[in-house]
């Protein structure tokens, strides 16, 4: 079964995760695309190390490699919404990035 994965759209009509992906180099884009395809294919059955639950209804898609990338997502309206993406540079998830994802989750509801 294929799961529906969508990009979150801001009130201005922007797609922040799509824009983030387009700004990366080709090997990173390939890894991100592969991870999104895994989410589409396996949905709630996708397990670590590919995903991590952060808070109630908020997860991160984990892309490792030379450049570590995290994409926050949630489930809403029978689809996975990719909310926010960033390059992972420290061991802890930056509060600002987490807050951005939580704010976008509230906009979906």
PDB file of N, CA and C in Angstrom:
ATOM      1  N   UNK A   1       0.840  -1.195   0.000  1.00  0.00           N
ATOM      2  CA  UNK A   1       0.000   0.000   0.000  1.00  0.00           C
ATOM      3  C   UNK A   1       0.877   1.247   0.000  1.00  0.00           C
ATOM      4  N   UNK A   2       0.564   2.178  -0.835  1.00  0.00           N
ATOM      5  CA  UNK A   2       1.311   3.434  -0.871  1.00  0.00           C
ATOM      6  C   UNK A   2       0.640   4.446   0.057  1.00  0.00           C
ATOM      7  N   UNK A   3       1.450   5.078   0.862  1.00  0.00           N
ATOM      8  CA  UNK A   3       0.959   6.093   1.793  1.00  0.00           C
ATOM      9  C   UNK A   3       1.117   7.457   1.137  1.00  0.00           C
ATOM     10  N   UNK A   4       0.210   8.349   1.430  1.00  0.00           N
ATOM     11  CA  UNK A   4       0.198   9.679   0.830  1.00  0.00           C
ATOM     12  C   UNK A   4       1.148  10.603   1.587  1.00  0.00           C
ATOM     13  N   UNK A   5       2.156  11.140   0.905  1.00  0.00           N
ATOM     14  CA  UNK A   5       3.114  12.076   1.503  1.00  0.00           C
ATOM     15  C   UNK A   5       2.978  13.399   0.768  1.00  0.00           C
ATOM     16  N   UNK A   6       2.764  14.461   1.536  1.00  0.00           N
ATOM     17  CA  UNK A   6       2.579  15.796   0.949  1.00  0.00           C
ATOM     18  C   UNK A   6       3.546  16.787   1.590  1.00  0.00           C
ATOM     19  N   UNK A   7       3.821  17.842   0.855  1.00  0.00           N
ATOM     20  CA  UNK A   7       4.634  18.924   1.385  1.00  0.00           C
ATOM     21  C   UNK A   7       3.715  19.944   2.048  1.00  0.00           C
ATOM     22  N   UNK A   8       4.093  20.390   3.243  1.00  0.00           N
ATOM     23  CA  UNK A   8       3.340  21.440   3.925  1.00  0.00           C
ATOM     24  C   UNK A   8       3.440  22.728   3.117  1.00  0.00           C
ATOM     25  N   UNK A   9       2.310  23.423   2.979  1.00  0.00           N
ATOM     26  CA  UNK A   9       2.273  24.696   2.251  1.00  0.00           C
ATOM     27  C   UNK A   9       1.961  25.812   3.242  1.00  0.00           C
ATOM     28  N   UNK A  10       2.795  26.872   3.232  1.00  0.00           N
ATOM     29  CA  UNK A  10       2.566  28.008   4.118  1.00  0.00           C
ATOM     30  C   UNK A  10       1.392  28.842   3.601  1.00  0.00           C
ATOM     31  N   UNK A  11       0.946  29.782   4.410  1.00  0.00           N
ATOM     32  CA  UNK A  11      -0.154  30.655   3.994  1.00  0.00           C
ATOM     33  C   UNK A  11       0.245  31.516   2.795  1.00  0.00           C
ATOM     34  N   UNK A  12       1.539  31.725   2.595  1.00  0.00           N
ATOM     35  CA  UNK A  12       2.027  32.485   1.441  1.00  0.00           C
ATOM     36  C   UNK A  12       2.095  31.637   0.169  1.00  0.00           C
ATOM     37  N   UNK A  13       1.861  30.344   0.317  1.00  0.00           N
ATOM     38  CA  UNK A  13       1.916  29.463  -0.840  1.00  0.00           C
ATOM     39  C   UNK A  13       3.268  28.810  -1.060  1.00  0.00           C
ATOM     40  N   UNK A  14       4.205  28.975  -0.111  1.00  0.00           N
ATOM     41  CA  UNK A  14       5.531  28.376  -0.228  1.00  0.00           C
ATOM     42  C   UNK A  14       5.523  26.940   0.295  1.00  0.00           C
ATOM     43  N   UNK A  15       6.451  26.149  -0.210  1.00  0.00           N
ATOM     44  CA  UNK A  15       6.664  24.785   0.265  1.00  0.00           C
ATOM     45  C   UNK A  15       8.079  24.718   0.850  1.00  0.00           C
ATOM     46  N   UNK A  16       8.245  24.959   2.155  1.00  0.00           N
ATOM     47  CA  UNK A  16       9.590  25.077   2.730  1.00  0.00           C
ATOM     48  C   UNK A  16      10.451  23.817   2.604  1.00  0.00           C
ATOM     49  N   UNK A  17       9.874  22.640   2.756  1.00  0.00           N
ATOM     50  CA  UNK A  17      10.677  21.419   2.659  1.00  0.00           C
ATOM     51  C   UNK A  17      11.112  21.186   1.217  1.00  0.00           C
ATOM     52  N   UNK A  18      10.214  21.407   0.278  1.00  0.00           N
ATOM     53  CA  UNK A  18      10.552  21.257  -1.140  1.00  0.00           C
ATOM     54  C   UNK A  18      11.687  22.212  -1.514  1.00  0.00           C
ATOM     55  N   UNK A  19      11.601  23.447  -1.036  1.00  0.00           N
ATOM     56  CA  UNK A  19      12.644  24.444  -1.306  1.00  0.00           C
ATOM     57  C   UNK A  19      13.972  23.998  -0.700  1.00  0.00           C
ATOM     58  N   UNK A  20      13.938  23.495   0.535  1.00  0.00           N
ATOM     59  CA  UNK A  20      15.144  23.006   1.206  1.00  0.00           C
ATOM     60  C   UNK A  20      15.797  21.901   0.376  1.00  0.00           C
ATOM     61  N   UNK A  21      14.996  20.960  -0.096  1.00  0.00           N
ATOM     62  CA  UNK A  21      15.527  19.833  -0.870  1.00  0.00           C
ATOM     63  C   UNK A  21      16.183  20.328  -2.159  1.00  0.00           C
ATOM     64  N   UNK A  22      15.530  21.258  -2.843  1.00  0.00           N
ATOM     65  CA  UNK A  22      16.068  21.782  -4.109  1.00  0.00           C
ATOM     66  C   UNK A  22      17.401  22.493  -3.927  1.00  0.00           C
ATOM     67  N   UNK A  23      17.681  23.005  -2.729  1.00  0.00           N
ATOM     68  CA  UNK A  23      18.921  23.737  -2.464  1.00  0.00           C
ATOM     69  C   UNK A  23      20.108  22.821  -2.148  1.00  0.00           C
ATOM     70  N   UNK A  24      19.887  21.517  -2.025  1.00  0.00           N
ATOM     71  CA  UNK A  24      20.950  20.584  -1.656  1.00  0.00           C
ATOM     72  C   UNK A  24      21.699  20.089  -2.887  1.00  0.00           C
ATOM     73  N   UNK A  25      22.868  19.452  -2.633  1.00  0.00           N
ATOM     74  CA  UNK A  25      23.617  18.868  -3.746  1.00  0.00           C
ATOM     75  C   UNK A  25      22.957  17.551  -4.180  1.00  0.00           C
ATOM     76  N   UNK A  26      23.322  17.057  -5.344  1.00  0.00           N
ATOM     77  CA  UNK A  26      22.652  15.891  -5.928  1.00  0.00           C
ATOM     78  C   UNK A  26      22.703  14.632  -5.053  1.00  0.00           C
ATOM     79  N   UNK A  27      23.851  14.280  -4.440  1.00  0.00           N
ATOM     80  CA  UNK A  27      23.842  13.077  -3.596  1.00  0.00           C
ATOM     81  C   UNK A  27      22.884  13.209  -2.398  1.00  0.00           C
ATOM     82  N   UNK A  28      22.805  14.384  -1.824  1.00  0.00           N
ATOM     83  CA  UNK A  28      21.899  14.613  -0.697  1.00  0.00           C
ATOM     84  C   UNK A  28      20.451  14.558  -1.157  1.00  0.00           C
ATOM     85  N   UNK A  29      20.159  15.143  -2.309  1.00  0.00           N
ATOM     86  CA  UNK A  29      18.798  15.085  -2.867  1.00  0.00           C
ATOM     87  C   UNK A  29      18.395  13.625  -3.082  1.00  0.00           C
ATOM     88  N   UNK A  30      19.317  12.810  -3.585  1.00  0.00           N
ATOM     89  CA  UNK A  30      19.015  11.396  -3.837  1.00  0.00           C
ATOM     90  C   UNK A  30      18.689  10.679  -2.531  1.00  0.00           C
ATOM     91  N   UNK A  31      19.452  10.938  -1.483  1.00  0.00           N
ATOM     92  CA  UNK A  31      19.200  10.298  -0.191  1.00  0.00           C
ATOM     93  C   UNK A  31      17.869  10.752   0.401  1.00  0.00           C
ATOM     94  N   UNK A  32      17.580  12.048   0.301  1.00  0.00           N
ATOM     95  CA  UNK A  32      16.311  12.571   0.817  1.00  0.00           C
ATOM     96  C   UNK A  32      15.143  11.943   0.057  1.00  0.00           C
ATOM     97  N   UNK A  33      15.255  11.894  -1.258  1.00  0.00           N
ATOM     98  CA  UNK A  33      14.203  11.306  -2.089  1.00  0.00           C
ATOM     99  C   UNK A  33      13.976   9.844  -1.729  1.00  0.00           C
ATOM    100  N   UNK A  34      15.049   9.116  -1.514  1.00  0.00           N
ATOM    101  CA  UNK A  34      14.935   7.711  -1.130  1.00  0.00           C
ATOM    102  C   UNK A  34      14.203   7.579   0.213  1.00  0.00           C
ATOM    103  N   UNK A  35      14.532   8.421   1.170  1.00  0.00           N
ATOM    104  CA  UNK A  35      13.891   8.364   2.488  1.00  0.00           C
ATOM    105  C   UNK A  35      12.405   8.697   2.391  1.00  0.00           C
ATOM    106  N   UNK A  36      12.058   9.669   1.571  1.00  0.00           N
ATOM    107  CA  UNK A  36      10.641  10.013   1.379  1.00  0.00           C
ATOM    108  C   UNK A  36       9.907   8.848   0.716  1.00  0.00           C
ATOM    109  N   UNK A  37      10.565   8.188  -0.224  1.00  0.00           N
ATOM    110  CA  UNK A  37       9.960   7.015  -0.874  1.00  0.00           C
ATOM    111  C   UNK A  37       9.746   5.881   0.130  1.00  0.00           C
ATOM    112  N   UNK A  38      10.675   5.722   1.081  1.00  0.00           N
ATOM    113  CA  UNK A  38      10.488   4.723   2.129  1.00  0.00           C
ATOM    114  C   UNK A  38       9.258   5.055   2.972  1.00  0.00           C
ATOM    115  N   UNK A  39       9.083   6.324   3.301  1.00  0.00           N
ATOM    116  CA  UNK A  39       7.910   6.748   4.070  1.00  0.00           C
ATOM    117  C   UNK A  39       6.639   6.474   3.271  1.00  0.00           C
ATOM    118  N   UNK A  40       6.663   6.749   1.974  1.00  0.00           N
ATOM    119  CA  UNK A  40       5.501   6.469   1.116  1.00  0.00           C
ATOM    120  C   UNK A  40       5.190   4.970   1.061  1.00  0.00           C
ATOM    121  N   UNK A  41       6.223   4.156   1.033  1.00  0.00           N
ATOM    122  CA  UNK A  41       6.030   2.711   0.902  1.00  0.00           C
ATOM    123  C   UNK A  41       5.611   2.045   2.211  1.00  0.00           C
ATOM    124  N   UNK A  42       6.222   2.448   3.322  1.00  0.00           N
ATOM    125  CA  UNK A  42       6.020   1.736   4.579  1.00  0.00           C
ATOM    126  C   UNK A  42       5.173   2.486   5.601  1.00  0.00           C
ATOM    127  N   UNK A  43       5.001   3.785   5.436  1.00  0.00           N
ATOM    128  CA  UNK A  43       4.154   4.571   6.330  1.00  0.00           C
ATOM    129  C   UNK A  43       4.434   4.308   7.797  1.00  0.00           C
ATOM    130  N   UNK A  44       3.413   3.906   8.564  1.00  0.00           N
ATOM    131  CA  UNK A  44       3.592   3.719  10.011  1.00  0.00           C
ATOM    132  C   UNK A  44       4.467   2.515  10.355  1.00  0.00           C
ATOM    133  N   UNK A  45       4.792   1.687   9.379  1.00  0.00           N
ATOM    134  CA  UNK A  45       5.621   0.516   9.621  1.00  0.00           C
ATOM    135  C   UNK A  45       7.114   0.807   9.474  1.00  0.00           C
ATOM    136  N   UNK A  46       7.446   2.028   9.064  1.00  0.00           N
ATOM    137  CA  UNK A  46       8.848   2.430   8.956  1.00  0.00           C
ATOM    138  C   UNK A  46       9.397   2.626  10.364  1.00  0.00           C
ATOM    139  N   UNK A  47      10.531   2.052  10.646  1.00  0.00           N
ATOM    140  CA  UNK A  47      11.102   2.047  11.998  1.00  0.00           C
ATOM    141  C   UNK A  47      12.482   2.692  12.012  1.00  0.00           C
ATOM    142  N   UNK A  48      13.037   2.893  13.233  1.00  0.00           N
ATOM    143  CA  UNK A  48      14.408   3.403  13.333  1.00  0.00           C
ATOM    144  C   UNK A  48      15.363   2.481  12.585  1.00  0.00           C
ATOM    145  N   UNK A  49      16.407   2.973  11.998  1.00  0.00           N
ATOM    146  CA  UNK A  49      16.990   4.301  12.133  1.00  0.00           C
ATOM    147  C   UNK A  49      16.420   5.343  11.180  1.00  0.00           C
ATOM    148  N   UNK A  50      15.382   4.986  10.417  1.00  0.00           N
ATOM    149  CA  UNK A  50      14.836   5.924   9.426  1.00  0.00           C
ATOM    150  C   UNK A  50      13.958   7.004  10.033  1.00  0.00           C
ATOM    151  N   UNK A  51      13.277   6.679  11.128  1.00  0.00           N
ATOM    152  CA  UNK A  51      12.416   7.675  11.772  1.00  0.00           C
ATOM    153  C   UNK A  51      12.651   7.684  13.274  1.00  0.00           C
ATOM    154  N   UNK A  52      12.175   8.751  13.898  1.00  0.00           N
ATOM    155  CA  UNK A  52      12.208   8.856  15.351  1.00  0.00           C
ATOM    156  C   UNK A  52      10.994   9.678  15.774  1.00  0.00           C
ATOM    157  N   UNK A  53      10.293   9.198  16.796  1.00  0.00           N
ATOM    158  CA  UNK A  53       9.163   9.956  17.325  1.00  0.00           C
ATOM    159  C   UNK A  53       9.720  11.013  18.267  1.00  0.00           C
ATOM    160  N   UNK A  54       9.308  12.265  18.057  1.00  0.00           N
ATOM    161  CA  UNK A  54       9.795  13.361  18.889  1.00  0.00           C
ATOM    162  C   UNK A  54       8.778  13.751  19.951  1.00  0.00           C
ATOM    163  N   UNK A  55       7.550  13.928  19.537  1.00  0.00           N
ATOM    164  CA  UNK A  55       6.468  14.312  20.433  1.00  0.00           C
ATOM    165  C   UNK A  55       5.197  13.666  19.908  1.00  0.00           C
ATOM    166  N   UNK A  56       4.101  13.889  20.610  1.00  0.00           N
ATOM    167  CA  UNK A  56       2.836  13.336  20.162  1.00  0.00           C
ATOM    168  C   UNK A  56       2.532  13.830  18.751  1.00  0.00           C
ATOM    169  N   UNK A  57       2.439  12.914  17.803  1.00  0.00           N
ATOM    170  CA  UNK A  57       2.121  13.195  16.395  1.00  0.00           C
ATOM    171  C   UNK A  57       3.209  13.940  15.638  1.00  0.00           C
ATOM    172  N   UNK A  58       4.412  14.048  16.195  1.00  0.00           N
ATOM    173  CA  UNK A  58       5.519  14.701  15.491  1.00  0.00           C
ATOM    174  C   UNK A  58       6.690  13.726  15.409  1.00  0.00           C
ATOM    175  N   UNK A  59       7.148  13.491  14.170  1.00  0.00           N
ATOM    176  CA  UNK A  59       8.224  12.548  13.916  1.00  0.00           C
ATOM    177  C   UNK A  59       9.303  13.225  13.096  1.00  0.00           C
ATOM    178  N   UNK A  60      10.483  12.603  13.073  1.00  0.00           N
ATOM    179  CA  UNK A  60      11.524  13.094  12.180  1.00  0.00           C
ATOM    180  C   UNK A  60      11.979  11.964  11.275  1.00  0.00           C
ATOM    181  N   UNK A  61      12.115  12.300  10.014  1.00  0.00           N
ATOM    182  CA  UNK A  61      12.686  11.411   9.017  1.00  0.00           C
ATOM    183  C   UNK A  61      14.185  11.672   9.054  1.00  0.00           C
ATOM    184  N   UNK A  62      14.964  10.625   9.283  1.00  0.00           N
ATOM    185  CA  UNK A  62      16.397  10.789   9.522  1.00  0.00           C
ATOM    186  C   UNK A  62      17.186  10.347   8.295  1.00  0.00           C
ATOM    187  N   UNK A  63      17.928  11.275   7.709  1.00  0.00           N
ATOM    188  CA  UNK A  63      18.758  10.989   6.546  1.00  0.00           C
ATOM    189  C   UNK A  63      20.203  11.176   6.978  1.00  0.00           C
ATOM    190  N   UNK A  64      20.972  10.084   6.975  1.00  0.00           N
ATOM    191  CA  UNK A  64      22.356  10.185   7.414  1.00  0.00           C
ATOM    192  C   UNK A  64      23.289  10.175   6.220  1.00  0.00           C
ATOM    193  N   UNK A  65      24.543  10.435   6.493  1.00  0.00           N
ATOM    194  CA  UNK A  65      25.544  10.492   5.435  1.00  0.00           C
ATOM    195  C   UNK A  65      26.536  11.586   5.744  1.00  0.00           C
ATOM    196  N   UNK A  66      27.253  12.035   4.720  1.00  0.00           N
ATOM    197  CA  UNK A  66      28.217  13.116   4.916  1.00  0.00           C
ATOM    198  C   UNK A  66      27.511  14.346   5.483  1.00  0.00           C
ATOM    199  N   UNK A  67      26.312  14.587   4.982  1.00  0.00           N
ATOM    200  CA  UNK A  67      25.465  15.665   5.504  1.00  0.00           C
ATOM    201  C   UNK A  67      24.224  15.006   6.105  1.00  0.00           C
ATOM    202  N   UNK A  68      24.049  15.162   7.423  1.00  0.00           N
ATOM    203  CA  UNK A  68      22.868  14.601   8.085  1.00  0.00           C
ATOM    204  C   UNK A  68      21.713  15.586   7.953  1.00  0.00           C
ATOM    205  N   UNK A  69      20.566  15.082   7.526  1.00  0.00           N
ATOM    206  CA  UNK A  69      19.385  15.917   7.318  1.00  0.00           C
ATOM    207  C   UNK A  69      18.242  15.337   8.148  1.00  0.00           C
ATOM    208  N   UNK A  70      17.434  16.217   8.696  1.00  0.00           N
ATOM    209  CA  UNK A  70      16.234  15.814   9.420  1.00  0.00           C
ATOM    210  C   UNK A  70      15.034  16.512   8.795  1.00  0.00           C
ATOM    211  N   UNK A  71      13.960  15.747   8.603  1.00  0.00           N
ATOM    212  CA  UNK A  71      12.710  16.311   8.102  1.00  0.00           C
ATOM    213  C   UNK A  71      11.623  15.965   9.108  1.00  0.00           C
ATOM    214  N   UNK A  72      11.027  16.982   9.699  1.00  0.00           N
ATOM    215  CA  UNK A  72       9.924  16.766  10.628  1.00  0.00           C
ATOM    216  C   UNK A  72       8.651  16.528   9.836  1.00  0.00           C
ATOM    217  N   UNK A  73       7.836  15.588  10.310  1.00  0.00           N
ATOM    218  CA  UNK A  73       6.568  15.324   9.641  1.00  0.00           C
ATOM    219  C   UNK A  73       5.514  14.918  10.656  1.00  0.00           C
ATOM    220  N   UNK A  74       4.256  14.994  10.210  1.00  0.00           N
ATOM    221  CA  UNK A  74       3.125  14.591  11.033  1.00  0.00           C
ATOM    222  C   UNK A  74       2.090  13.918  10.144  1.00  0.00           C
ATOM    223  N   UNK A  75       1.151  13.249  10.780  1.00  0.00           N
ATOM    224  CA  UNK A  75       0.043  12.627  10.048  1.00  0.00           C
ATOM    225  C   UNK A  75      -1.198  13.480  10.276  1.00  0.00           C
ATOM    226  N   UNK A  76      -1.844  13.888   9.197  1.00  0.00           N
ATOM    227  CA  UNK A  76      -3.054  14.694   9.295  1.00  0.00           C
ATOM    228  C   UNK A  76      -3.867  14.499   8.025  1.00  0.00           C
ATOM    229  N   UNK A  77      -5.175  14.429   8.160  1.00  0.00           N
ATOM    230  CA  UNK A  77      -6.070  14.292   7.007  1.00  0.00           C
ATOM    231  C   UNK A  77      -5.662  13.109   6.112  1.00  0.00           C
ATOM    232  N   UNK A  78      -5.324  11.979   6.741  1.00  0.00           N
ATOM    233  CA  UNK A  78      -4.940  10.750   6.028  1.00  0.00           C
ATOM    234  C   UNK A  78      -3.728  10.913   5.121  1.00  0.00           C
ATOM    235  N   UNK A  79      -2.805  11.788   5.501  1.00  0.00           N
ATOM    236  CA  UNK A  79      -1.577  11.970   4.729  1.00  0.00           C
ATOM    237  C   UNK A  79      -0.433  12.348   5.670  1.00  0.00           C
ATOM    238  N   UNK A  80       0.777  12.046   5.243  1.00  0.00           N
ATOM    239  CA  UNK A  80       1.956  12.504   5.962  1.00  0.00           C
ATOM    240  C   UNK A  80       2.330  13.864   5.399  1.00  0.00           C
ATOM    241  N   UNK A  81       2.499  14.845   6.266  1.00  0.00           N
ATOM    242  CA  UNK A  81       2.889  16.190   5.843  1.00  0.00           C
ATOM    243  C   UNK A  81       4.325  16.459   6.270  1.00  0.00           C
ATOM    244  N   UNK A  82       5.186  16.767   5.291  1.00  0.00           N
ATOM    245  CA  UNK A  82       6.566  17.126   5.569  1.00  0.00           C
ATOM    246  C   UNK A  82       6.571  18.597   5.959  1.00  0.00           C
ATOM    247  N   UNK A  83       6.891  18.864   7.227  1.00  0.00           N
ATOM    248  CA  UNK A  83       6.702  20.196   7.796  1.00  0.00           C
ATOM    249  C   UNK A  83       7.926  21.102   7.720  1.00  0.00           C
ATOM    250  N   UNK A  84       9.087  20.552   8.078  1.00  0.00           N
ATOM    251  CA  UNK A  84      10.274  21.384   8.206  1.00  0.00           C
ATOM    252  C   UNK A  84      11.510  20.513   8.023  1.00  0.00           C
ATOM    253  N   UNK A  85      12.539  21.037   7.378  1.00  0.00           N
ATOM    254  CA  UNK A  85      13.782  20.297   7.159  1.00  0.00           C
ATOM    255  C   UNK A  85      14.974  21.162   7.527  1.00  0.00           C
ATOM    256  N   UNK A  86      16.031  20.506   8.003  1.00  0.00           N
ATOM    257  CA  UNK A  86      17.259  21.230   8.328  1.00  0.00           C
ATOM    258  C   UNK A  86      18.431  20.255   8.312  1.00  0.00           C
ATOM    259  N   UNK A  87      19.644  20.836   8.215  1.00  0.00           N
ATOM    260  CA  UNK A  87      20.863  20.046   8.289  1.00  0.00           C
ATOM    261  C   UNK A  87      21.212  19.873   9.762  1.00  0.00           C
ATOM    262  N   UNK A  88      21.459  18.653  10.150  1.00  0.00           N
ATOM    263  CA  UNK A  88      21.776  18.332  11.538  1.00  0.00           C
ATOM    264  C   UNK A  88      23.260  18.585  11.765  1.00  0.00           C
ATOM    265  N   UNK A  89      23.569  19.497  12.699  1.00  0.00           N
ATOM    266  CA  UNK A  89      24.965  19.850  12.947  1.00  0.00           C
ATOM    267  C   UNK A  89      25.392  19.557  14.381  1.00  0.00           C
ATOM    268  N   UNK A  90      24.420  19.362  15.280  1.00  0.00           N
ATOM    269  CA  UNK A  90      24.729  19.074  16.673  1.00  0.00           C
ATOM    270  C   UNK A  90      23.971  17.825  17.113  1.00  0.00           C
ATOM    271  N   UNK A  91      24.288  17.329  18.291  1.00  0.00           N
ATOM    272  CA  UNK A  91      23.607  16.137  18.797  1.00  0.00           C
ATOM    273  C   UNK A  91      22.161  16.419  19.182  1.00  0.00           C
ATOM    274  N   UNK A  92      21.898  17.611  19.674  1.00  0.00           N
ATOM    275  CA  UNK A  92      20.537  17.959  20.087  1.00  0.00           C
ATOM    276  C   UNK A  92      19.776  18.612  18.945  1.00  0.00           C
ATOM    277  N   UNK A  93      18.471  18.365  18.925  1.00  0.00           N
ATOM    278  CA  UNK A  93      17.617  19.023  17.937  1.00  0.00           C
ATOM    279  C   UNK A  93      17.431  20.476  18.367  1.00  0.00           C
ATOM    280  N   UNK A  94      17.749  21.429  17.500  1.00  0.00           N
ATOM    281  CA  UNK A  94      17.587  22.843  17.869  1.00  0.00           C
ATOM    282  C   UNK A  94      16.126  23.178  18.189  1.00  0.00           C
ATOM    283  N   UNK A  95      15.907  23.893  19.282  1.00  0.00           N
ATOM    284  CA  UNK A  95      14.557  24.254  19.717  1.00  0.00           C
ATOM    285  C   UNK A  95      13.824  25.060  18.650  1.00  0.00           C
ATOM    286  N   UNK A  96      14.542  25.936  17.968  1.00  0.00           N
ATOM    287  CA  UNK A  96      13.915  26.779  16.945  1.00  0.00           C
ATOM    288  C   UNK A  96      13.298  25.919  15.846  1.00  0.00           C
ATOM    289  N   UNK A  97      14.032  24.896  15.415  1.00  0.00           N
ATOM    290  CA  UNK A  97      13.527  24.010  14.361  1.00  0.00           C
ATOM    291  C   UNK A  97      12.334  23.200  14.861  1.00  0.00           C
ATOM    292  N   UNK A  98      12.417  22.740  16.092  1.00  0.00           N
ATOM    293  CA  UNK A  98      11.307  21.987  16.681  1.00  0.00           C
ATOM    294  C   UNK A  98      10.063  22.861  16.797  1.00  0.00           C
ATOM    295  N   UNK A  99      10.251  24.093  17.232  1.00  0.00           N
ATOM    296  CA  UNK A  99       9.135  25.040  17.373  1.00  0.00           C
ATOM    297  C   UNK A  99       8.486  25.323  16.016  1.00  0.00           C
ATOM    298  N   UNK A 100       9.292  25.475  14.982  1.00  0.00           N
ATOM    299  CA  UNK A 100       8.762  25.709  13.629  1.00  0.00           C
ATOM    300  C   UNK A 100       7.864  24.546  13.208  1.00  0.00           C
ATOM    301  N   UNK A 101       8.329  23.326  13.437  1.00  0.00           N
ATOM    302  CA  UNK A 101       7.543  22.147  13.064  1.00  0.00           C
ATOM    303  C   UNK A 101       6.245  22.072  13.864  1.00  0.00           C
ATOM    304  N   UNK A 102       6.313  22.364  15.153  1.00  0.00           N
ATOM    305  CA  UNK A 102       5.109  22.322  15.987  1.00  0.00           C
ATOM    306  C   UNK A 102       4.100  23.388  15.559  1.00  0.00           C
ATOM    307  N   UNK A 103       4.591  24.576  15.219  1.00  0.00           N
ATOM    308  CA  UNK A 103       3.693  25.636  14.739  1.00  0.00           C
ATOM    309  C   UNK A 103       3.001  25.217  13.440  1.00  0.00           C
ATOM    310  N   UNK A 104       3.737  24.580  12.554  1.00  0.00           N
ATOM    311  CA  UNK A 104       3.142  24.149  11.278  1.00  0.00           C
ATOM    312  C   UNK A 104       2.169  22.999  11.495  1.00  0.00           C
ATOM    313  N   UNK A 105       2.424  22.181  12.497  1.00  0.00           N
ATOM    314  CA  UNK A 105       1.472  21.104  12.837  1.00  0.00           C
ATOM    315  C   UNK A 105       0.157  21.708  13.273  1.00  0.00           C
ATOM    316  N   UNK A 106       0.213  22.739  14.080  1.00  0.00           N
ATOM    317  CA  UNK A 106      -1.022  23.406  14.553  1.00  0.00           C
ATOM    318  C   UNK A 106      -1.783  24.061  13.395  1.00  0.00           C
ATOM    319  N   UNK A 107      -1.068  24.544  12.388  1.00  0.00           N
ATOM    320  CA  UNK A 107      -1.726  25.147  11.234  1.00  0.00           C
ATOM    321  C   UNK A 107      -2.531  24.109  10.436  1.00  0.00           C
ATOM    322  N   UNK A 108      -2.083  22.864  10.441  1.00  0.00           N
ATOM    323  CA  UNK A 108      -2.773  21.807   9.707  1.00  0.00           C
ATOM    324  C   UNK A 108      -4.088  21.409  10.371  1.00  0.00           C
ATOM    325  N   UNK A 109      -4.134  21.525  11.678  1.00  0.00           N
ATOM    326  CA  UNK A 109      -5.306  21.040  12.433  1.00  0.00           C
ATOM    327  C   UNK A 109      -6.471  22.000  12.391  1.00  0.00           C
TER     328      UNK A 109
END
